[in-house]
C-alpha atoms as a PDB file:
ATOM      1  CA  MET A   1     107.308 133.747  62.328  1.00  0.00           C
ATOM      2  CA  ARG A   2     107.216 130.782  60.002  1.00  0.00           C
ATOM      3  CA  ALA A   3     108.967 128.503  62.525  1.00  0.00           C
ATOM      4  CA  ALA A   4     106.533 129.518  65.247  1.00  0.00           C
ATOM      5  CA  LEU A   5     103.577 128.756  62.966  1.00  0.00           C
ATOM      6  CA  ARG A   6     105.088 125.364  62.085  1.00  0.00           C
ATOM      7  CA  THR A   7     105.582 124.549  65.773  1.00  0.00           C
ATOM      8  CA  LEU A   8     102.010 125.599  66.582  1.00  0.00           C
ATOM      9  CA  CYS A   9     100.686 123.365  63.787  1.00  0.00           C
ATOM     10  CA  LEU A  10     102.770 120.451  65.071  1.00  0.00           C
ATOM     11  CA  ILE A  11     101.446 120.879  68.602  1.00  0.00           C
ATOM     12  CA  ALA A  12      97.865 121.170  67.356  1.00  0.00           C
ATOM     13  CA  GLY A  13      98.309 118.081  65.188  1.00  0.00           C
ATOM     14  CA  LEU A  14      99.684 116.089  68.101  1.00  0.00           C
ATOM     15  CA  ALA A  15      96.861 117.281  70.342  1.00  0.00           C
ATOM     16  CA  PHE A  16      94.234 116.156  67.830  1.00  0.00           C
ATOM     17  CA  ALA A  17      96.028 112.839  67.430  1.00  0.00           C
ATOM     18  CA  GLY A  18      95.672 112.214  71.158  1.00  0.00           C
ATOM     19  CA  VAL A  19      99.328 112.784  71.998  1.00  0.00           C
ATOM     20  CA  ALA A  20     100.122 115.356  74.663  1.00  0.00           C
ATOM     21  CA  PRO A  21     103.463 116.964  73.782  1.00  0.00           C
ATOM     22  CA  LEU A  22     103.838 118.768  77.071  1.00  0.00           C
ATOM     23  CA  ALA A  23     103.010 117.697  80.595  1.00  0.00           C
ATOM     24  CA  VAL A  24     102.871 120.609  82.979  1.00  0.00           C
ATOM     25  CA  PRO A  25     102.173 120.031  86.668  1.00  0.00           C
ATOM     26  CA  VAL A  26      99.331 121.956  88.226  1.00  0.00           C
ATOM     27  CA  PHE A  27     100.330 124.706  90.672  1.00  0.00           C
ATOM     28  CA  GLY A  28     101.298 123.173  93.999  1.00  0.00           C
ATOM     29  CA  GLN A  29     102.070 119.735  92.582  1.00  0.00           C
ATOM     30  CA  ASP A  30     105.510 118.288  92.095  1.00  0.00           C
ATOM     31  CA  ALA A  31     106.293 116.887  88.704  1.00  0.00           C
ATOM     32  CA  ALA A  32     105.792 113.164  89.095  1.00  0.00           C
ATOM     33  CA  VAL A  33     109.046 111.288  88.848  1.00  0.00           C
ATOM     34  CA  SER A  34     108.159 107.827  87.693  1.00  0.00           C
ATOM     35  CA  VAL A  35     110.724 105.144  88.368  1.00  0.00           C
ATOM     36  CA  ASP A  36     110.311 101.540  87.240  1.00  0.00           C
ATOM     37  CA  TYR A  37     111.783  99.755  90.248  1.00  0.00           C
ATOM     38  CA  GLN A  38     111.174  96.309  88.716  1.00  0.00           C
ATOM     39  CA  GLY A  39     113.226  97.350  85.679  1.00  0.00           C
ATOM     40  CA  TRP A  40     115.894  98.702  87.997  1.00  0.00           C
ATOM     41  CA  GLU A  41     115.956  95.459  89.967  1.00  0.00           C
ATOM     42  CA  ALA A  42     116.489  93.468  86.760  1.00  0.00           C
ATOM     43  CA  ASP A  43     119.276  95.779  85.541  1.00  0.00           C
ATOM     44  CA  ALA A  44     120.947  95.860  88.959  1.00  0.00           C
ATOM     45  CA  ALA A  45     120.838  92.072  89.270  1.00  0.00           C
ATOM     46  CA  ARG A  46     122.331  91.744  85.774  1.00  0.00           C
ATOM     47  CA  ALA A  47     125.138  94.180  86.637  1.00  0.00           C
ATOM     48  CA  GLU A  48     125.870  92.512  89.966  1.00  0.00           C
ATOM     49  CA  ALA A  49     125.956  89.076  88.317  1.00  0.00           C
ATOM     50  CA  ALA A  50     128.385  90.363  85.666  1.00  0.00           C
ATOM     51  CA  LEU A  51     130.558  91.873  88.394  1.00  0.00           C
ATOM     52  CA  ALA A  52     130.527  88.647  90.396  1.00  0.00           C
ATOM     53  CA  ASP A  53     131.479  86.667  87.282  1.00  0.00           C
ATOM     54  CA  GLY A  54     134.030  89.261  86.177  1.00  0.00           C
ATOM     55  CA  LYS A  55     134.427  87.719  82.727  1.00  0.00           C
ATOM     56  CA  ALA A  56     132.650  90.298  80.589  1.00  0.00           C
ATOM     57  CA  ALA A  57     134.678  92.557  78.318  1.00  0.00           C
ATOM     58  CA  ASN A  58     135.436  96.132  79.304  1.00  0.00           C
ATOM     59  CA  LYS A  59     133.020  97.382  76.617  1.00  0.00           C
ATOM     60  CA  ALA A  60     130.224  95.353  78.217  1.00  0.00           C
ATOM     61  CA  PHE A  61     131.066  96.768  81.631  1.00  0.00           C
ATOM     62  CA  GLU A  62     131.167 100.279  80.212  1.00  0.00           C
ATOM     63  CA  GLN A  63     127.684  99.765  78.740  1.00  0.00           C
ATOM     64  CA  LEU A  64     126.413  98.383  82.055  1.00  0.00           C
ATOM     65  CA  ARG A  65     127.922 101.400  83.783  1.00  0.00           C
ATOM     66  CA  ALA A  66     126.177 103.762  81.358  1.00  0.00           C
ATOM     67  CA  ASP A  67     122.848 102.022  82.029  1.00  0.00           C
ATOM     68  CA  VAL A  68     123.318 102.258  85.790  1.00  0.00           C
ATOM     69  CA  VAL A  69     124.270 105.945  85.519  1.00  0.00           C
ATOM     70  CA  VAL A  70     120.939 106.617  83.786  1.00  0.00           C
ATOM     71  CA  TRP A  71     119.166 104.874  86.658  1.00  0.00           C
ATOM     72  CA  ARG A  72     121.245 106.865  89.149  1.00  0.00           C
ATOM     73  CA  GLU A  73     120.096 110.128  87.551  1.00  0.00           C
ATOM     74  CA  ARG A  74     116.459 108.999  87.798  1.00  0.00           C
ATOM     75  CA  PHE A  75     116.890 108.164  91.477  1.00  0.00           C
ATOM     76  CA  THR A  76     118.536 111.503  92.170  1.00  0.00           C
ATOM     77  CA  ALA A  77     115.531 113.242  90.627  1.00  0.00           C
ATOM     78  CA  ALA A  78     113.100 110.991  92.512  1.00  0.00           C
ATOM     79  CA  GLN A  79     114.715 111.815  95.854  1.00  0.00           C
ATOM     80  CA  THR A  80     113.247 115.291  95.745  1.00  0.00           C
ATOM     81  CA  ALA A  81     109.740 114.116  94.876  1.00  0.00           C
ATOM     82  CA  ASN A  82     107.135 115.918  96.968  1.00  0.00           C
ATOM     83  CA  ALA A  83     109.782 118.185  98.514  1.00  0.00           C
ATOM     84  CA  ALA A  84     107.547 121.258  98.596  1.00  0.00           C
ATOM     85  CA  ARG A  85     104.660 119.373 100.184  1.00  0.00           C
ATOM     86  CA  ILE A  86     107.012 117.710 102.696  1.00  0.00           C
ATOM     87  CA  ASP A  87     108.345 121.133 103.744  1.00  0.00           C
ATOM     88  CA  THR A  88     104.786 122.388 104.142  1.00  0.00           C
ATOM     89  CA  LEU A  89     103.841 119.425 106.330  1.00  0.00           C
ATOM     90  CA  ARG A  90     106.928 119.874 108.476  1.00  0.00           C
ATOM     91  CA  ASN A  91     106.027 123.520 108.975  1.00  0.00           C
ATOM     92  CA  GLN A  92     102.470 122.560 109.884  1.00  0.00           C
ATOM     93  CA  ILE A  93     103.735 120.035 112.441  1.00  0.00           C
ATOM     94  CA  ALA A  94     106.126 122.637 113.858  1.00  0.00           C
ATOM     95  CA  ALA A  95     103.227 125.111 114.123  1.00  0.00           C
ATOM     96  CA  LEU A  96     101.450 122.676 116.441  1.00  0.00           C
ATOM     97  CA  GLY A  97     104.280 123.135 118.889  1.00  0.00           C
ATOM     98  CA  PRO A  98     106.557 120.543 120.399  1.00  0.00           C
ATOM     99  CA  ALA A  99     105.148 117.065 120.918  1.00  0.00           C
ATOM    100  CA  PRO A 100     104.137 116.448 124.508  1.00  0.00           C
ATOM    101  CA  ALA A 101     106.641 114.772 126.773  1.00  0.00           C
ATOM    102  CA  GLU A 102     106.166 111.110 127.520  1.00  0.00           C
ATOM    103  CA  GLY A 103     103.277 110.600 129.866  1.00  0.00           C
ATOM    104  CA  ALA A 104     101.880 114.066 129.124  1.00  0.00           C
ATOM    105  CA  SER A 105      98.911 114.619 126.875  1.00  0.00           C
ATOM    106  CA  GLU A 106      97.735 117.343 124.547  1.00  0.00           C
ATOM    107  CA  ALA A 107      94.316 118.423 123.391  1.00  0.00           C
ATOM    108  CA  PRO A 108      92.543 115.638 121.448  1.00  0.00           C
ATOM    109  CA  GLN A 109      92.110 117.846 118.362  1.00  0.00           C
ATOM    110  CA  THR A 110      95.808 118.742 118.343  1.00  0.00           C
ATOM    111  CA  ALA A 111      96.838 115.122 118.863  1.00  0.00           C
ATOM    112  CA  ALA A 112      94.566 113.968 116.027  1.00  0.00           C
ATOM    113  CA  ARG A 113      95.863 116.679 113.709  1.00  0.00           C
ATOM    114  CA  ARG A 114      99.498 115.878 114.617  1.00  0.00           C
ATOM    115  CA  ALA A 115      98.884 112.171 113.900  1.00  0.00           C
ATOM    116  CA  GLU A 116      97.208 113.001 110.567  1.00  0.00           C
ATOM    117  CA  LEU A 117     100.060 115.285 109.496  1.00  0.00           C
ATOM    118  CA  ASN A 118     102.695 112.721 110.530  1.00  0.00           C
ATOM    119  CA  ASP A 119     100.899 110.043 108.502  1.00  0.00           C
ATOM    120  CA  GLN A 120     100.807 112.307 105.446  1.00  0.00           C
ATOM    121  CA  LEU A 121     104.476 113.134 105.944  1.00  0.00           C
ATOM    122  CA  ALA A 122     105.432 109.455 106.132  1.00  0.00           C
ATOM    123  CA  GLN A 123     103.489 108.695 102.938  1.00  0.00           C
ATOM    124  CA  LEU A 124     105.120 111.567 101.045  1.00  0.00           C
ATOM    125  CA  GLN A 125     108.612 110.681 102.250  1.00  0.00           C
ATOM    126  CA  ALA A 126     108.347 107.010 101.211  1.00  0.00           C
ATOM    127  CA  PRO A 127     109.171 107.534  97.495  1.00  0.00           C
ATOM    128  CA  GLY A 128     112.210 109.640  98.383  1.00  0.00           C
ATOM    129  CA  ILE A 129     113.450 107.030 100.844  1.00  0.00           C
ATOM    130  CA  THR A 130     113.010 104.259  98.279  1.00  0.00           C
ATOM    131  CA  ALA A 131     114.871 106.368  95.709  1.00  0.00           C
ATOM    132  CA  SER A 132     117.698 107.011  98.197  1.00  0.00           C
ATOM    133  CA  GLU A 133     118.116 103.291  98.814  1.00  0.00           C
ATOM    134  CA  ALA A 134     118.173 102.548  95.082  1.00  0.00           C
ATOM    135  CA  LEU A 135     120.587 105.453  94.500  1.00  0.00           C
ATOM    136  CA  SER A 136     122.965 104.014  97.085  1.00  0.00           C
ATOM    137  CA  ARG A 137     122.886 100.641  95.323  1.00  0.00           C
ATOM    138  CA  ALA A 138     123.434 102.273  91.914  1.00  0.00           C
ATOM    139  CA  GLU A 139     126.417 104.237  93.207  1.00  0.00           C
ATOM    140  CA  GLY A 140     127.898 101.059  94.658  1.00  0.00           C
ATOM    141  CA  ILE A 141     127.545  99.257  91.323  1.00  0.00           C
ATOM    142  CA  VAL A 142     129.134 102.152  89.426  1.00  0.00           C
ATOM    143  CA  GLN A 143     132.054 102.198  91.872  1.00  0.00           C
ATOM    144  CA  GLN A 144     132.554  98.434  91.517  1.00  0.00           C
ATOM    145  CA  ILE A 145     132.523  98.660  87.715  1.00  0.00           C
ATOM    146  CA  ASP A 146     134.975 101.567  87.793  1.00  0.00           C
ATOM    147  CA  ARG A 147     137.287  99.641  90.122  1.00  0.00           C
ATOM    148  CA  LEU A 148     137.176  96.510  87.934  1.00  0.00           C
ATOM    149  CA  ILE A 149     137.925  98.442  84.733  1.00  0.00           C
ATOM    150  CA  ARG A 150     140.698 100.407  86.444  1.00  0.00           C
ATOM    151  CA  ASP A 151     142.271  97.186  87.779  1.00  0.00           C
ATOM    152  CA  ARG A 152     142.147  95.593  84.329  1.00  0.00           C
ATOM    153  CA  GLN A 153     143.753  98.647  82.748  1.00  0.00           C
ATOM    154  CA  ALA A 154     146.489  98.709  85.387  1.00  0.00           C
ATOM    155  CA  LYS A 155     147.238  95.009  84.789  1.00  0.00           C
ATOM    156  CA  ALA A 156     147.419  95.570  81.028  1.00  0.00           C
ATOM    157  CA  LEU A 157     149.717  98.520  81.515  1.00  0.00           C
ATOM    158  CA  LEU A 158     152.029  96.634  83.833  1.00  0.00           C
ATOM    159  CA  ARG A 159     152.142  93.450  81.734  1.00  0.00           C
ATOM    160  CA  LEU A 160     155.711  92.703  80.745  1.00  0.00           C
ATOM    161  CA  SER A 161     156.438  92.533  77.059  1.00  0.00           C
ATOM    162  CA  PRO A 162     159.659  91.862  75.168  1.00  0.00           C
ATOM    163  CA  THR A 163     162.075  94.711  75.536  1.00  0.00           C
ATOM    164  CA  PRO A 164     163.753  96.160  72.457  1.00  0.00           C
ATOM    165  CA  MET A 165     166.955  96.464  74.483  1.00  0.00           C
ATOM    166  CA  ASN A 166     167.448  92.684  74.404  1.00  0.00           C
ATOM    167  CA  PRO A 167     169.331  91.656  71.201  1.00  0.00           C
ATOM    168  CA  LEU A 168     167.494  88.319  71.217  1.00  0.00           C
ATOM    169  CA  ASN A 169     164.256  90.201  70.403  1.00  0.00           C
ATOM    170  CA  TRP A 170     165.703  92.141  67.450  1.00  0.00           C
ATOM    171  CA  PRO A 171     164.963  89.552  64.729  1.00  0.00           C
ATOM    172  CA  ALA A 172     161.252  89.487  65.667  1.00  0.00           C
ATOM    173  CA  GLY A 173     161.172  93.279  65.766  1.00  0.00           C
ATOM    174  CA  SER A 174     162.839  93.651  62.410  1.00  0.00           C
ATOM    175  CA  ALA A 175     160.416  91.107  60.920  1.00  0.00           C
ATOM    176  CA  VAL A 176     157.495  93.236  62.094  1.00  0.00           C
ATOM    177  CA  LEU A 177     159.088  96.385  60.644  1.00  0.00           C
ATOM    178  CA  THR A 178     159.768  94.844  57.220  1.00  0.00           C
ATOM    179  CA  GLN A 179     156.219  93.577  56.726  1.00  0.00           C
END
């Protein structure tokens, strides 16, 4: 009871301070998925430049990878933006019946309505298409970073070092052990 009262007071305090703690979409609306594509472009260019240079440390590449994975999650969420409304529009277009064959015509009202619905559909699909393109780029960057780190680790693992089986290396080994 006390925790609930504390939470209610916190929410009321934030509301009076002009901060909205919760954002709930109105019925029929998709939750807006806001993606800063300019920020993404800057981060992607930075990652691609680092990959092209290939001189950054593994830790730096791992941090770049983590940043790109966050972007990838945003794009995955943005792909489904307006999904409910898109399904509704597709059903409305299907309800109009098949589009007339080439050279054939349909009633002017039906043609106008079909054109209006197709325009709305194209506008609602645009954010999802943009997100899909950015997602593809993000996945490519993550794969390149993974490949680079994996190659570096394989080279480090396969690097030849002095073998303890060679008696010439024993003095150096014993010096390390007696330190």
